[in-house]
Amino acid sequence: MTDEKGRKDDGATARLCVLVVDDNALLSASLARLLAHSGYDVRATTTAAEAFEAAGTRQFDCGIFDIRLGSDDGLNLAERLLEEGRVRAAVFFSATLLRTDRRRASRLGILVSKAASVERVLGVVAKVATTMQKR
């Protein structure tokens, strides 16, 4: 099913609120546009401080975090937002895949390489949406 603008609207995506955190502003904005076009409610940020501020005003069903946020750490940010209930699920989107990062990211959520296809990223977020519906 699609809405009046031709965007996918299957009910799950229409309700899912997604926080995107990547220090690459172009990538953050592009991913946010892609997700919004797919029917998600998205807030894009480029720093841990912006993300924390955004999560202070609402709860997000899913956070997509770059592991390396310039001088910040996306894993620490995600862990804190998850513990505080500001984000319900985490997806880590990174080009940096050190063994320790992979283990920690896998413990906290789902890890996706920045080299992944658009379909893979959308598939992971759709998986989170399905999981959120069951909760």
N, C-alpha and C. Protein backbone atom coordinates (compact mmCIF):
# COMPACT_ATOMS: atom_id res chain seq x y z
N MET A 1 0.84 -1.17 0.00
CA MET A 1 0.00 0.00 0.00
C MET A 1 0.89 1.24 0.00
N THR A 2 0.48 2.30 -0.71
CA THR A 2 1.25 3.54 -0.73
C THR A 2 0.35 4.70 -0.33
N ASP A 3 0.96 5.78 0.14
CA ASP A 3 0.19 6.95 0.50
C ASP A 3 -0.01 7.84 -0.74
N GLU A 4 -0.55 9.05 -0.51
CA GLU A 4 -0.85 9.93 -1.63
C GLU A 4 0.38 10.42 -2.37
N LYS A 5 1.56 10.31 -1.77
CA LYS A 5 2.80 10.72 -2.42
C LYS A 5 3.55 9.54 -3.01
N GLY A 6 2.94 8.36 -3.00
CA GLY A 6 3.56 7.17 -3.57
C GLY A 6 4.55 6.49 -2.65
N ARG A 7 4.57 6.89 -1.37
CA ARG A 7 5.48 6.26 -0.42
C ARG A 7 4.85 5.01 0.16
N LYS A 8 5.70 4.07 0.50
CA LYS A 8 5.24 2.82 1.11
C LYS A 8 4.61 3.12 2.46
N ASP A 9 3.43 2.58 2.72
CA ASP A 9 2.77 2.74 4.00
C ASP A 9 2.11 1.43 4.37
N ASP A 10 2.84 0.61 5.14
CA ASP A 10 2.29 -0.68 5.52
C ASP A 10 1.84 -0.69 6.96
N GLY A 11 1.73 0.46 7.58
CA GLY A 11 1.30 0.54 8.96
C GLY A 11 2.49 0.49 9.91
N ALA A 12 3.40 -0.46 9.74
CA ALA A 12 4.55 -0.57 10.64
C ALA A 12 5.49 0.61 10.45
N THR A 13 5.83 0.94 9.21
CA THR A 13 6.76 2.02 8.97
C THR A 13 6.15 3.37 9.29
N ALA A 14 4.85 3.52 9.13
CA ALA A 14 4.21 4.80 9.37
C ALA A 14 4.34 5.22 10.83
N ARG A 15 4.44 4.28 11.73
CA ARG A 15 4.52 4.59 13.15
C ARG A 15 5.94 4.58 13.70
N LEU A 16 6.87 4.03 13.00
CA LEU A 16 8.21 3.87 13.54
C LEU A 16 8.99 5.19 13.49
N CYS A 17 9.46 5.64 14.65
CA CYS A 17 10.27 6.86 14.75
C CYS A 17 11.73 6.46 14.77
N VAL A 18 12.53 7.03 13.87
CA VAL A 18 13.92 6.65 13.72
C VAL A 18 14.83 7.86 13.94
N LEU A 19 15.86 7.65 14.76
CA LEU A 19 16.89 8.65 14.99
C LEU A 19 18.13 8.23 14.21
N VAL A 20 18.63 9.10 13.34
CA VAL A 20 19.85 8.83 12.57
C VAL A 20 20.96 9.70 13.13
N VAL A 21 22.10 9.08 13.48
CA VAL A 21 23.22 9.82 14.04
C VAL A 21 24.48 9.45 13.26
N ASP A 22 24.97 10.38 12.45
CA ASP A 22 26.20 10.17 11.68
C ASP A 22 26.89 11.52 11.53
N ASP A 23 28.19 11.58 11.82
CA ASP A 23 28.91 12.84 11.73
C ASP A 23 29.11 13.32 10.30
N ASN A 24 28.85 12.46 9.32
CA ASN A 24 28.86 12.87 7.92
C ASN A 24 27.47 13.42 7.61
N ALA A 25 27.37 14.75 7.55
CA ALA A 25 26.07 15.40 7.39
C ALA A 25 25.35 14.96 6.12
N LEU A 26 26.08 14.78 5.04
CA LEU A 26 25.47 14.35 3.78
C LEU A 26 24.88 12.95 3.92
N LEU A 27 25.64 12.06 4.53
CA LEU A 27 25.14 10.69 4.72
C LEU A 27 23.95 10.66 5.67
N SER A 28 24.02 11.42 6.75
CA SER A 28 22.92 11.48 7.70
C SER A 28 21.64 11.98 7.02
N ALA A 29 21.76 13.06 6.26
CA ALA A 29 20.60 13.62 5.56
C ALA A 29 20.08 12.68 4.48
N SER A 30 20.98 12.03 3.75
CA SER A 30 20.56 11.11 2.69
C SER A 30 19.83 9.90 3.26
N LEU A 31 20.37 9.34 4.33
CA LEU A 31 19.71 8.20 4.97
C LEU A 31 18.36 8.61 5.54
N ALA A 32 18.30 9.79 6.12
CA ALA A 32 17.03 10.28 6.66
C ALA A 32 15.99 10.45 5.54
N ARG A 33 16.40 10.99 4.40
CA ARG A 33 15.47 11.16 3.28
C ARG A 33 14.98 9.81 2.77
N LEU A 34 15.89 8.86 2.65
CA LEU A 34 15.53 7.51 2.20
C LEU A 34 14.51 6.88 3.14
N LEU A 35 14.76 6.98 4.43
CA LEU A 35 13.84 6.40 5.41
C LEU A 35 12.50 7.13 5.42
N ALA A 36 12.54 8.46 5.33
CA ALA A 36 11.29 9.23 5.30
C ALA A 36 10.47 8.88 4.06
N HIS A 37 11.14 8.72 2.94
CA HIS A 37 10.45 8.35 1.70
C HIS A 37 9.82 6.96 1.84
N SER A 38 10.40 6.12 2.66
CA SER A 38 9.87 4.78 2.89
C SER A 38 8.78 4.76 3.96
N GLY A 39 8.45 5.93 4.50
CA GLY A 39 7.33 6.03 5.43
C GLY A 39 7.67 6.16 6.89
N TYR A 40 8.95 6.25 7.22
CA TYR A 40 9.34 6.37 8.62
C TYR A 40 9.35 7.84 9.05
N ASP A 41 9.15 8.08 10.34
CA ASP A 41 9.26 9.41 10.94
C ASP A 41 10.70 9.53 11.40
N VAL A 42 11.49 10.42 10.79
CA VAL A 42 12.94 10.43 10.98
C VAL A 42 13.44 11.76 11.50
N ARG A 43 14.42 11.68 12.39
CA ARG A 43 15.17 12.86 12.84
C ARG A 43 16.64 12.58 12.60
N ALA A 44 17.31 13.40 11.79
CA ALA A 44 18.73 13.23 11.49
C ALA A 44 19.56 14.17 12.35
N THR A 45 20.66 13.66 12.89
CA THR A 45 21.58 14.46 13.68
C THR A 45 23.01 14.12 13.26
N THR A 46 23.94 15.00 13.62
CA THR A 46 25.34 14.76 13.22
C THR A 46 26.30 14.68 14.41
N THR A 47 25.81 14.89 15.62
CA THR A 47 26.66 14.77 16.81
C THR A 47 25.91 14.03 17.91
N ALA A 48 26.69 13.54 18.87
CA ALA A 48 26.08 12.88 20.03
C ALA A 48 25.23 13.88 20.81
N ALA A 49 25.69 15.11 20.93
CA ALA A 49 24.93 16.12 21.67
C ALA A 49 23.57 16.39 21.01
N GLU A 50 23.56 16.52 19.68
CA GLU A 50 22.29 16.73 18.96
C GLU A 50 21.36 15.53 19.14
N ALA A 51 21.93 14.34 19.05
CA ALA A 51 21.12 13.13 19.20
C ALA A 51 20.53 13.04 20.60
N PHE A 52 21.34 13.33 21.61
CA PHE A 52 20.86 13.27 22.98
C PHE A 52 19.76 14.30 23.21
N GLU A 53 19.93 15.48 22.63
CA GLU A 53 18.90 16.52 22.74
C GLU A 53 17.61 16.08 22.06
N ALA A 54 17.71 15.52 20.86
CA ALA A 54 16.52 15.04 20.14
C ALA A 54 15.81 13.95 20.92
N ALA A 55 16.59 13.06 21.54
CA ALA A 55 15.99 11.96 22.30
C ALA A 55 15.43 12.43 23.63
N GLY A 56 15.73 13.65 24.00
CA GLY A 56 15.15 14.22 25.22
C GLY A 56 13.73 14.70 25.03
N THR A 57 13.33 14.89 23.78
CA THR A 57 12.00 15.41 23.50
C THR A 57 11.02 14.33 23.07
N ARG A 58 11.52 13.13 22.77
CA ARG A 58 10.64 12.04 22.35
C ARG A 58 11.38 10.72 22.44
N GLN A 59 10.63 9.62 22.44
CA GLN A 59 11.24 8.30 22.41
C GLN A 59 11.31 7.85 20.96
N PHE A 60 12.43 7.27 20.58
CA PHE A 60 12.60 6.74 19.23
C PHE A 60 12.51 5.22 19.29
N ASP A 61 11.83 4.65 18.31
CA ASP A 61 11.72 3.20 18.23
C ASP A 61 13.05 2.59 17.82
N CYS A 62 13.79 3.31 16.97
CA CYS A 62 15.04 2.79 16.44
C CYS A 62 16.04 3.93 16.29
N GLY A 63 17.27 3.67 16.67
CA GLY A 63 18.35 4.62 16.44
C GLY A 63 19.35 3.97 15.49
N ILE A 64 19.78 4.71 14.48
CA ILE A 64 20.82 4.24 13.58
C ILE A 64 22.05 5.09 13.90
N PHE A 65 23.07 4.43 14.42
CA PHE A 65 24.24 5.12 14.95
C PHE A 65 25.50 4.78 14.16
N ASP A 66 26.24 5.82 13.78
CA ASP A 66 27.60 5.62 13.29
C ASP A 66 28.44 5.29 14.52
N ILE A 67 29.30 4.31 14.43
CA ILE A 67 30.11 3.94 15.58
C ILE A 67 31.12 5.03 15.92
N ARG A 68 31.72 5.62 14.91
CA ARG A 68 32.70 6.69 15.12
C ARG A 68 32.06 8.02 14.73
N LEU A 69 31.77 8.83 15.72
CA LEU A 69 31.13 10.14 15.49
C LEU A 69 32.14 11.26 15.71
N GLY A 70 33.16 11.31 14.89
CA GLY A 70 34.20 12.31 15.10
C GLY A 70 34.86 12.05 16.44
N SER A 71 34.76 12.99 17.37
CA SER A 71 35.35 12.80 18.69
C SER A 71 34.43 12.04 19.64
N ASP A 72 33.21 11.77 19.22
CA ASP A 72 32.25 11.05 20.05
C ASP A 72 32.23 9.57 19.71
N ASP A 73 31.58 8.79 20.54
CA ASP A 73 31.50 7.35 20.38
C ASP A 73 30.03 6.95 20.24
N GLY A 74 29.65 6.47 19.07
CA GLY A 74 28.27 6.07 18.83
C GLY A 74 27.82 4.90 19.68
N LEU A 75 28.75 4.01 20.04
CA LEU A 75 28.40 2.88 20.90
C LEU A 75 28.02 3.36 22.29
N ASN A 76 28.80 4.28 22.85
CA ASN A 76 28.48 4.82 24.18
C ASN A 76 27.15 5.57 24.15
N LEU A 77 26.96 6.37 23.10
CA LEU A 77 25.71 7.12 22.96
C LEU A 77 24.52 6.17 22.90
N ALA A 78 24.61 5.17 22.05
CA ALA A 78 23.50 4.22 21.90
C ALA A 78 23.23 3.49 23.21
N GLU A 79 24.29 3.05 23.87
CA GLU A 79 24.10 2.33 25.13
C GLU A 79 23.37 3.19 26.15
N ARG A 80 23.75 4.45 26.24
CA ARG A 80 23.10 5.36 27.19
C ARG A 80 21.63 5.59 26.82
N LEU A 81 21.36 5.84 25.54
CA LEU A 81 19.98 6.08 25.11
C LEU A 81 19.12 4.83 25.28
N LEU A 82 19.69 3.66 25.05
CA LEU A 82 18.96 2.41 25.27
C LEU A 82 18.66 2.20 26.75
N GLU A 83 19.66 2.40 27.60
CA GLU A 83 19.48 2.22 29.04
C GLU A 83 18.42 3.17 29.60
N GLU A 84 18.37 4.39 29.08
CA GLU A 84 17.42 5.39 29.56
C GLU A 84 16.05 5.26 28.90
N GLY A 85 15.91 4.32 27.96
CA GLY A 85 14.62 4.12 27.31
C GLY A 85 14.28 5.18 26.28
N ARG A 86 15.25 5.96 25.86
CA ARG A 86 15.00 7.00 24.86
C ARG A 86 15.01 6.44 23.44
N VAL A 87 15.68 5.31 23.28
CA VAL A 87 15.72 4.56 22.02
C VAL A 87 15.42 3.11 22.37
N ARG A 88 14.53 2.49 21.61
CA ARG A 88 14.11 1.12 21.93
C ARG A 88 14.96 0.06 21.25
N ALA A 89 15.58 0.38 20.11
CA ALA A 89 16.41 -0.58 19.38
C ALA A 89 17.53 0.19 18.68
N ALA A 90 18.67 -0.49 18.50
CA ALA A 90 19.83 0.17 17.88
C ALA A 90 20.32 -0.59 16.67
N VAL A 91 20.65 0.19 15.64
CA VAL A 91 21.31 -0.33 14.45
C VAL A 91 22.60 0.48 14.32
N PHE A 92 23.70 -0.22 14.11
CA PHE A 92 24.99 0.45 13.97
C PHE A 92 25.41 0.39 12.52
N PHE A 93 25.76 1.55 11.99
CA PHE A 93 26.04 1.75 10.58
C PHE A 93 27.43 2.34 10.51
N SER A 94 28.43 1.53 10.17
CA SER A 94 29.79 2.03 10.25
C SER A 94 30.72 1.40 9.24
N ALA A 95 31.72 2.17 8.87
CA ALA A 95 32.79 1.65 8.02
C ALA A 95 33.89 1.04 8.90
N THR A 96 33.91 1.43 10.17
CA THR A 96 34.90 0.92 11.12
C THR A 96 34.36 -0.35 11.76
N LEU A 97 34.99 -1.45 11.47
CA LEU A 97 34.50 -2.72 12.00
C LEU A 97 35.61 -3.45 12.75
N LEU A 98 36.14 -2.83 13.77
CA LEU A 98 37.11 -3.49 14.63
C LEU A 98 36.42 -4.61 15.40
N ARG A 99 37.16 -5.63 15.74
CA ARG A 99 36.57 -6.79 16.43
C ARG A 99 35.83 -6.38 17.70
N THR A 100 36.44 -5.51 18.51
CA THR A 100 35.78 -5.09 19.75
C THR A 100 34.51 -4.30 19.46
N ASP A 101 34.53 -3.46 18.41
CA ASP A 101 33.33 -2.71 18.02
C ASP A 101 32.23 -3.66 17.55
N ARG A 102 32.61 -4.67 16.75
CA ARG A 102 31.63 -5.63 16.24
C ARG A 102 30.95 -6.37 17.39
N ARG A 103 31.74 -6.82 18.36
CA ARG A 103 31.17 -7.55 19.50
C ARG A 103 30.21 -6.67 20.30
N ARG A 104 30.65 -5.48 20.60
CA ARG A 104 29.83 -4.57 21.40
C ARG A 104 28.57 -4.16 20.64
N ALA A 105 28.72 -3.83 19.37
CA ALA A 105 27.56 -3.44 18.56
C ALA A 105 26.57 -4.59 18.46
N SER A 106 27.06 -5.80 18.29
CA SER A 106 26.18 -6.97 18.19
C SER A 106 25.45 -7.23 19.51
N ARG A 107 26.09 -6.91 20.62
CA ARG A 107 25.44 -7.06 21.92
C ARG A 107 24.33 -6.04 22.11
N LEU A 108 24.54 -4.83 21.58
CA LEU A 108 23.58 -3.75 21.76
C LEU A 108 22.49 -3.71 20.69
N GLY A 109 22.76 -4.25 19.52
CA GLY A 109 21.79 -4.14 18.43
C GLY A 109 22.24 -4.88 17.19
N ILE A 110 21.97 -4.30 16.05
CA ILE A 110 22.27 -4.91 14.75
C ILE A 110 23.37 -4.08 14.09
N LEU A 111 24.37 -4.74 13.52
CA LEU A 111 25.49 -4.06 12.87
C LEU A 111 25.36 -4.18 11.36
N VAL A 112 25.45 -3.03 10.66
CA VAL A 112 25.38 -2.99 9.20
C VAL A 112 26.57 -2.18 8.71
N SER A 113 27.27 -2.70 7.72
CA SER A 113 28.41 -1.99 7.14
C SER A 113 27.91 -0.81 6.30
N LYS A 114 28.67 0.27 6.28
CA LYS A 114 28.32 1.40 5.43
C LYS A 114 28.39 1.02 3.95
N ALA A 115 29.07 -0.07 3.65
CA ALA A 115 29.14 -0.54 2.28
C ALA A 115 27.89 -1.34 1.88
N ALA A 116 26.98 -1.54 2.81
CA ALA A 116 25.76 -2.31 2.54
C ALA A 116 24.87 -1.58 1.53
N SER A 117 24.08 -2.35 0.84
CA SER A 117 23.16 -1.77 -0.13
C SER A 117 22.01 -1.05 0.57
N VAL A 118 21.37 -0.17 -0.15
CA VAL A 118 20.20 0.53 0.36
C VAL A 118 19.13 -0.48 0.78
N GLU A 119 18.98 -1.53 -0.01
CA GLU A 119 17.97 -2.55 0.30
C GLU A 119 18.28 -3.22 1.63
N ARG A 120 19.57 -3.47 1.90
CA ARG A 120 19.96 -4.10 3.16
C ARG A 120 19.63 -3.20 4.35
N VAL A 121 19.93 -1.91 4.22
CA VAL A 121 19.64 -0.97 5.30
C VAL A 121 18.13 -0.91 5.55
N LEU A 122 17.36 -0.77 4.49
CA LEU A 122 15.90 -0.73 4.64
C LEU A 122 15.37 -2.03 5.22
N GLY A 123 15.97 -3.15 4.83
CA GLY A 123 15.56 -4.44 5.36
C GLY A 123 15.79 -4.55 6.85
N VAL A 124 16.91 -4.04 7.32
CA VAL A 124 17.22 -4.07 8.75
C VAL A 124 16.22 -3.21 9.53
N VAL A 125 15.94 -2.02 9.02
CA VAL A 125 14.99 -1.14 9.70
C VAL A 125 13.59 -1.76 9.68
N ALA A 126 13.22 -2.40 8.58
CA ALA A 126 11.92 -3.09 8.51
C ALA A 126 11.86 -4.22 9.54
N LYS A 127 12.98 -4.91 9.74
CA LYS A 127 13.04 -5.97 10.74
C LYS A 127 12.81 -5.39 12.13
N VAL A 128 13.41 -4.25 12.41
CA VAL A 128 13.19 -3.57 13.69
C VAL A 128 11.72 -3.18 13.83
N ALA A 129 11.12 -2.67 12.74
CA ALA A 129 9.71 -2.28 12.77
C ALA A 129 8.82 -3.47 13.11
N THR A 130 9.10 -4.60 12.52
CA THR A 130 8.33 -5.81 12.80
C THR A 130 8.48 -6.21 14.26
N THR A 131 9.69 -6.14 14.78
CA THR A 131 9.94 -6.47 16.18
C THR A 131 9.19 -5.50 17.10
N MET A 132 9.18 -4.22 16.76
CA MET A 132 8.50 -3.21 17.57
C MET A 132 6.99 -3.48 17.61
N GLN A 133 6.43 -3.94 16.51
CA GLN A 133 4.99 -4.25 16.46
C GLN A 133 4.64 -5.37 17.43
N LYS A 134 5.55 -6.32 17.62
CA LYS A 134 5.29 -7.47 18.48
C LYS A 134 5.40 -7.14 19.95
N ARG A 135 6.02 -6.01 20.29
CA ARG A 135 6.21 -5.63 21.71
C ARG A 135 4.99 -5.00 22.29
